Amino acid sequence: MSFRKSALISSLVAFSLAVVAAPAAMAALKTGAKAMDFTTQAALAGKPFSFTLNEALKDGPVVLYFYPKAFTSGCTIEANQFAEATPEFNRMGATVIGISADNIETLQKFSVEECRNKFAVAVGSKKVIKAYDANLPIMGGSNRTTYVIAPDGKIMWSYASLNVKGHVPGALAAVKTWTAAMAGQ
């Protein structure tokens, strides 16, 4: 292999790794930041409805998790993990909602097959994805970023990583901390 070809391959590999690693290193909104309210189409158990963040926050904290694409391997694993944890989130008064750039028809199926009818998934517009610092330029959708939003609309916890590990346990820990703080008041 020629030096020129070897250098080109090395450059392409480095660029590819940088592109893949960049979304994982992207900063999410910081703790204490105000979460932007939004209204969008959502689906729960295959049934479409209108979701508004501020309305959901009236019932308690919201676990808002962005994911790249329904029915892909990582997003399926993450949806299954959130489905398993949703009863625990609900016992603590929290609502779980997944959000991606998928269309409502895809989300209706995903809400049944992978979310197991446990939590809603919603259509993320470019504006919402950008406002939550969850843009994934490669696919034109969202990266994997999870937020726990307090009823006052402020970010309590955030985590951005394309790896599915850490999102559900971190969100559970944040909601448990909030629940304990509320019980102590």
C-alpha atoms as a PDB file:
ATOM      1  CA  MET A   1       0.000   0.000   0.000  1.00  0.00           C
ATOM      2  CA  SER A   2       1.380   3.379  -0.917  1.00  0.00           C
ATOM      3  CA  PHE A   3       2.072   6.064   1.667  1.00  0.00           C
ATOM      4  CA  ARG A   4      -0.510   8.345   0.042  1.00  0.00           C
ATOM      5  CA  LYS A   5      -3.230   5.639   0.149  1.00  0.00           C
ATOM      6  CA  SER A   6      -2.329   4.746   3.753  1.00  0.00           C
ATOM      7  CA  ALA A   7      -2.492   8.408   4.813  1.00  0.00           C
ATOM      8  CA  LEU A   8      -5.866   8.804   3.095  1.00  0.00           C
ATOM      9  CA  ILE A   9      -7.281   5.737   4.833  1.00  0.00           C
ATOM     10  CA  SER A  10      -5.951   6.940   8.206  1.00  0.00           C
ATOM     11  CA  SER A  11      -7.515  10.346   7.638  1.00  0.00           C
ATOM     12  CA  LEU A  12     -10.856   8.825   6.696  1.00  0.00           C
ATOM     13  CA  VAL A  13     -10.846   6.554   9.757  1.00  0.00           C
ATOM     14  CA  ALA A  14      -9.994   9.481  12.049  1.00  0.00           C
ATOM     15  CA  PHE A  15     -12.711  11.623  10.484  1.00  0.00           C
ATOM     16  CA  SER A  16     -15.262   8.794  10.785  1.00  0.00           C
ATOM     17  CA  LEU A  17     -14.428   8.261  14.450  1.00  0.00           C
ATOM     18  CA  ALA A  18     -14.665  11.986  15.121  1.00  0.00           C
ATOM     19  CA  VAL A  19     -18.098  12.145  13.480  1.00  0.00           C
ATOM     20  CA  VAL A  20     -19.346   9.153  15.469  1.00  0.00           C
ATOM     21  CA  ALA A  21     -17.842  10.369  18.749  1.00  0.00           C
ATOM     22  CA  ALA A  22     -18.949  13.996  18.375  1.00  0.00           C
ATOM     23  CA  PRO A  23     -22.635  13.459  19.192  1.00  0.00           C
ATOM     24  CA  ALA A  24     -21.718  11.494  22.332  1.00  0.00           C
ATOM     25  CA  ALA A  25     -19.561  14.381  23.477  1.00  0.00           C
ATOM     26  CA  MET A  26     -22.148  17.024  22.646  1.00  0.00           C
ATOM     27  CA  ALA A  27     -23.301  18.940  25.665  1.00  0.00           C
ATOM     28  CA  ALA A  28     -26.885  18.616  26.734  1.00  0.00           C
ATOM     29  CA  LEU A  29     -28.785  21.467  28.369  1.00  0.00           C
ATOM     30  CA  LYS A  30     -27.343  22.135  31.800  1.00  0.00           C
ATOM     31  CA  THR A  31     -28.989  21.470  35.141  1.00  0.00           C
ATOM     32  CA  GLY A  32     -31.161  24.434  36.088  1.00  0.00           C
ATOM     33  CA  ALA A  33     -31.816  25.523  32.488  1.00  0.00           C
ATOM     34  CA  LYS A  34     -35.429  26.195  31.552  1.00  0.00           C
ATOM     35  CA  ALA A  35     -36.897  23.487  29.308  1.00  0.00           C
ATOM     36  CA  MET A  36     -38.695  24.824  26.246  1.00  0.00           C
ATOM     37  CA  ASP A  37     -42.404  24.021  26.196  1.00  0.00           C
ATOM     38  CA  PHE A  38     -43.693  22.339  23.056  1.00  0.00           C
ATOM     39  CA  THR A  39     -46.748  20.590  21.683  1.00  0.00           C
ATOM     40  CA  THR A  40     -46.444  17.718  19.224  1.00  0.00           C
ATOM     41  CA  GLN A  41     -48.061  14.549  17.955  1.00  0.00           C
ATOM     42  CA  ALA A  42     -47.461  11.507  20.125  1.00  0.00           C
ATOM     43  CA  ALA A  43     -48.583   7.903  20.390  1.00  0.00           C
ATOM     44  CA  LEU A  44     -49.279   5.653  23.350  1.00  0.00           C
ATOM     45  CA  ALA A  45     -50.305   2.029  22.845  1.00  0.00           C
ATOM     46  CA  GLY A  46     -50.701   2.784  19.140  1.00  0.00           C
ATOM     47  CA  LYS A  47     -53.168   5.616  19.708  1.00  0.00           C
ATOM     48  CA  PRO A  48     -52.207   9.121  18.539  1.00  0.00           C
ATOM     49  CA  PHE A  49     -52.732  12.152  20.779  1.00  0.00           C
ATOM     50  CA  SER A  50     -51.408  15.666  21.282  1.00  0.00           C
ATOM     51  CA  PHE A  51     -48.610  15.967  23.850  1.00  0.00           C
ATOM     52  CA  THR A  52     -47.729  19.276  25.537  1.00  0.00           C
ATOM     53  CA  LEU A  53     -44.755  19.341  27.894  1.00  0.00           C
ATOM     54  CA  ASN A  54     -46.199  21.954  30.282  1.00  0.00           C
ATOM     55  CA  GLU A  55     -49.397  19.912  30.649  1.00  0.00           C
ATOM     56  CA  ALA A  56     -47.400  16.765  31.506  1.00  0.00           C
ATOM     57  CA  LEU A  57     -45.324  18.703  34.055  1.00  0.00           C
ATOM     58  CA  LYS A  58     -48.503  19.477  36.025  1.00  0.00           C
ATOM     59  CA  ASP A  59     -48.522  15.779  37.028  1.00  0.00           C
ATOM     60  CA  GLY A  60     -44.870  15.630  38.124  1.00  0.00           C
ATOM     61  CA  PRO A  61     -41.426  15.367  36.577  1.00  0.00           C
ATOM     62  CA  VAL A  62     -41.025  14.362  32.938  1.00  0.00           C
ATOM     63  CA  VAL A  63     -38.329  12.037  31.664  1.00  0.00           C
ATOM     64  CA  LEU A  64     -37.848  13.282  28.114  1.00  0.00           C
ATOM     65  CA  TYR A  65     -35.517  11.094  26.128  1.00  0.00           C
ATOM     66  CA  PHE A  66     -34.408  11.762  22.576  1.00  0.00           C
ATOM     67  CA  TYR A  67     -33.395   8.839  20.372  1.00  0.00           C
ATOM     68  CA  PRO A  68     -32.180   8.643  16.753  1.00  0.00           C
ATOM     69  CA  LYS A  69     -34.569   6.272  14.936  1.00  0.00           C
ATOM     70  CA  ALA A  70     -37.361   3.884  15.872  1.00  0.00           C
ATOM     71  CA  PHE A  71     -36.753   0.195  15.245  1.00  0.00           C
ATOM     72  CA  THR A  72     -32.959   0.485  15.076  1.00  0.00           C
ATOM     73  CA  SER A  73     -31.068  -1.827  17.430  1.00  0.00           C
ATOM     74  CA  GLY A  74     -29.933   0.740  20.029  1.00  0.00           C
ATOM     75  CA  CYS A  75     -33.251   2.583  20.043  1.00  0.00           C
ATOM     76  CA  THR A  76     -35.140  -0.689  20.449  1.00  0.00           C
ATOM     77  CA  ILE A  77     -32.949  -1.698  23.404  1.00  0.00           C
ATOM     78  CA  GLU A  78     -33.425   1.724  25.001  1.00  0.00           C
ATOM     79  CA  ALA A  79     -37.208   1.653  24.479  1.00  0.00           C
ATOM     80  CA  ASN A  80     -37.356  -1.809  26.066  1.00  0.00           C
ATOM     81  CA  GLN A  81     -35.325  -0.548  29.047  1.00  0.00           C
ATOM     82  CA  PHE A  82     -37.602   2.465  29.519  1.00  0.00           C
ATOM     83  CA  ALA A  83     -40.656   0.200  29.182  1.00  0.00           C
ATOM     84  CA  GLU A  84     -39.347  -2.029  31.982  1.00  0.00           C
ATOM     85  CA  ALA A  85     -38.636   1.004  34.189  1.00  0.00           C
ATOM     86  CA  THR A  86     -41.827   2.953  33.436  1.00  0.00           C
ATOM     87  CA  PRO A  87     -43.864   1.441  36.315  1.00  0.00           C
ATOM     88  CA  GLU A  88     -41.153   2.585  38.742  1.00  0.00           C
ATOM     89  CA  PHE A  89     -41.067   6.059  37.182  1.00  0.00           C
ATOM     90  CA  ASN A  90     -44.869   6.206  37.425  1.00  0.00           C
ATOM     91  CA  ARG A  91     -44.842   5.166  41.110  1.00  0.00           C
ATOM     92  CA  MET A  92     -42.651   8.227  41.753  1.00  0.00           C
ATOM     93  CA  GLY A  93     -45.041  10.491  39.816  1.00  0.00           C
ATOM     94  CA  ALA A  94     -42.867  10.814  36.688  1.00  0.00           C
ATOM     95  CA  THR A  95     -43.989  10.611  33.072  1.00  0.00           C
ATOM     96  CA  VAL A  96     -41.712   9.021  30.460  1.00  0.00           C
ATOM     97  CA  ILE A  97     -41.823  10.236  26.864  1.00  0.00           C
ATOM     98  CA  GLY A  98     -39.493   9.311  24.029  1.00  0.00           C
ATOM     99  CA  ILE A  99     -38.958  11.713  21.153  1.00  0.00           C
ATOM    100  CA  SER A 100     -37.440  11.335  17.683  1.00  0.00           C
ATOM    101  CA  ALA A 101     -37.780  12.726  14.183  1.00  0.00           C
ATOM    102  CA  ASP A 102     -39.841   9.693  13.110  1.00  0.00           C
ATOM    103  CA  ASN A 103     -43.341  10.231  11.701  1.00  0.00           C
ATOM    104  CA  ILE A 104     -46.453   9.520  13.761  1.00  0.00           C
ATOM    105  CA  GLU A 105     -47.292   6.325  11.851  1.00  0.00           C
ATOM    106  CA  THR A 106     -43.904   4.831  12.728  1.00  0.00           C
ATOM    107  CA  LEU A 107     -44.270   5.970  16.336  1.00  0.00           C
ATOM    108  CA  GLN A 108     -47.706   4.374  16.644  1.00  0.00           C
ATOM    109  CA  LYS A 109     -46.140   0.995  15.791  1.00  0.00           C
ATOM    110  CA  PHE A 110     -43.055   1.625  17.934  1.00  0.00           C
ATOM    111  CA  SER A 111     -45.213   2.546  20.947  1.00  0.00           C
ATOM    112  CA  VAL A 112     -46.826  -0.894  20.814  1.00  0.00           C
ATOM    113  CA  GLU A 113     -43.988  -3.140  19.675  1.00  0.00           C
ATOM    114  CA  GLU A 114     -40.977  -1.721  21.523  1.00  0.00           C
ATOM    115  CA  CYS A 115     -42.379   0.652  24.146  1.00  0.00           C
ATOM    116  CA  ARG A 116     -44.776  -2.181  25.052  1.00  0.00           C
ATOM    117  CA  ASN A 117     -47.711   0.200  25.564  1.00  0.00           C
ATOM    118  CA  LYS A 118     -45.986   1.553  28.696  1.00  0.00           C
ATOM    119  CA  PHE A 119     -45.041   5.097  27.663  1.00  0.00           C
ATOM    120  CA  ALA A 120     -45.621   7.566  24.842  1.00  0.00           C
ATOM    121  CA  VAL A 121     -43.310   8.464  21.988  1.00  0.00           C
ATOM    122  CA  ALA A 122     -43.541  11.780  20.173  1.00  0.00           C
ATOM    123  CA  VAL A 123     -42.581  13.472  16.922  1.00  0.00           C
ATOM    124  CA  GLY A 124     -39.608  15.769  17.422  1.00  0.00           C
ATOM    125  CA  SER A 125     -39.543  18.771  15.107  1.00  0.00           C
ATOM    126  CA  LYS A 126     -36.206  20.270  14.072  1.00  0.00           C
ATOM    127  CA  LYS A 127     -36.989  23.230  16.338  1.00  0.00           C
ATOM    128  CA  VAL A 128     -37.547  21.032  19.409  1.00  0.00           C
ATOM    129  CA  ILE A 129     -34.531  18.827  18.691  1.00  0.00           C
ATOM    130  CA  LYS A 130     -32.335  21.919  18.337  1.00  0.00           C
ATOM    131  CA  ALA A 131     -33.787  23.618  21.436  1.00  0.00           C
ATOM    132  CA  TYR A 132     -32.880  20.550  23.502  1.00  0.00           C
ATOM    133  CA  ASP A 133     -29.370  20.387  22.037  1.00  0.00           C
ATOM    134  CA  ALA A 134     -30.129  16.905  20.696  1.00  0.00           C
ATOM    135  CA  ASN A 135     -29.303  17.373  17.019  1.00  0.00           C
ATOM    136  CA  LEU A 136     -27.670  14.470  15.164  1.00  0.00           C
ATOM    137  CA  PRO A 137     -26.528  16.009  11.870  1.00  0.00           C
ATOM    138  CA  ILE A 138     -25.557  12.693  10.273  1.00  0.00           C
ATOM    139  CA  MET A 139     -29.112  11.337  10.194  1.00  0.00           C
ATOM    140  CA  GLY A 140     -30.990  14.625  10.263  1.00  0.00           C
ATOM    141  CA  GLY A 141     -32.712  13.649  13.487  1.00  0.00           C
ATOM    142  CA  SER A 142     -31.885  13.538  17.157  1.00  0.00           C
ATOM    143  CA  ASN A 143     -29.036  12.036  19.094  1.00  0.00           C
ATOM    144  CA  ARG A 144     -29.481  10.027  22.290  1.00  0.00           C
ATOM    145  CA  THR A 145     -30.019  12.554  25.075  1.00  0.00           C
ATOM    146  CA  THR A 146     -32.127  12.123  28.200  1.00  0.00           C
ATOM    147  CA  TYR A 147     -33.502  14.851  30.435  1.00  0.00           C
ATOM    148  CA  VAL A 148     -35.377  14.795  33.703  1.00  0.00           C
ATOM    149  CA  ILE A 149     -37.457  17.958  33.895  1.00  0.00           C
ATOM    150  CA  ALA A 150     -38.894  19.162  37.213  1.00  0.00           C
ATOM    151  CA  PRO A 151     -42.513  20.300  37.456  1.00  0.00           C
ATOM    152  CA  ASP A 152     -41.255  23.919  37.476  1.00  0.00           C
ATOM    153  CA  GLY A 153     -39.897  23.330  33.957  1.00  0.00           C
ATOM    154  CA  LYS A 154     -36.214  23.301  34.898  1.00  0.00           C
ATOM    155  CA  ILE A 155     -33.747  20.607  33.892  1.00  0.00           C
ATOM    156  CA  MET A 156     -32.872  18.459  36.928  1.00  0.00           C
ATOM    157  CA  TRP A 157     -30.586  16.032  35.104  1.00  0.00           C
ATOM    158  CA  SER A 158     -29.285  15.466  31.597  1.00  0.00           C
ATOM    159  CA  TYR A 159     -27.185  12.834  29.895  1.00  0.00           C
ATOM    160  CA  ALA A 160     -26.001  12.693  26.283  1.00  0.00           C
ATOM    161  CA  SER A 161     -24.406   9.538  24.898  1.00  0.00           C
ATOM    162  CA  LEU A 162     -25.093   7.406  21.845  1.00  0.00           C
ATOM    163  CA  ASN A 163     -24.513   4.397  24.100  1.00  0.00           C
ATOM    164  CA  VAL A 164     -27.817   3.234  25.596  1.00  0.00           C
ATOM    165  CA  LYS A 165     -26.186   2.451  28.945  1.00  0.00           C
ATOM    166  CA  GLY A 166     -26.640   5.114  31.569  1.00  0.00           C
ATOM    167  CA  HIS A 167     -29.838   6.751  30.349  1.00  0.00           C
ATOM    168  CA  VAL A 168     -32.432   4.736  32.299  1.00  0.00           C
ATOM    169  CA  PRO A 169     -30.408   4.255  35.519  1.00  0.00           C
ATOM    170  CA  GLY A 170     -29.398   7.921  35.570  1.00  0.00           C
ATOM    171  CA  ALA A 171     -32.952   9.127  34.996  1.00  0.00           C
ATOM    172  CA  LEU A 172     -34.252   6.782  37.728  1.00  0.00           C
ATOM    173  CA  ALA A 173     -31.651   8.088  40.169  1.00  0.00           C
ATOM    174  CA  ALA A 174     -32.580  11.698  39.352  1.00  0.00           C
ATOM    175  CA  VAL A 175     -36.304  11.064  39.862  1.00  0.00           C
ATOM    176  CA  LYS A 176     -35.585   9.191  43.120  1.00  0.00           C
ATOM    177  CA  THR A 177     -33.549  12.147  44.369  1.00  0.00           C
ATOM    178  CA  TRP A 178     -36.385  14.534  43.458  1.00  0.00           C
ATOM    179  CA  THR A 179     -38.963  12.258  45.130  1.00  0.00           C
ATOM    180  CA  ALA A 180     -36.883  12.087  48.333  1.00  0.00           C
ATOM    181  CA  ALA A 181     -36.451  15.875  48.351  1.00  0.00           C
ATOM    182  CA  MET A 182     -40.196  16.384  47.927  1.00  0.00           C
ATOM    183  CA  ALA A 183     -40.940  13.912  50.742  1.00  0.00           C
ATOM    184  CA  GLY A 184     -38.548  15.821  53.020  1.00  0.00           C
ATOM    185  CA  GLN A 185     -40.395  19.125  52.568  1.00  0.00           C
END
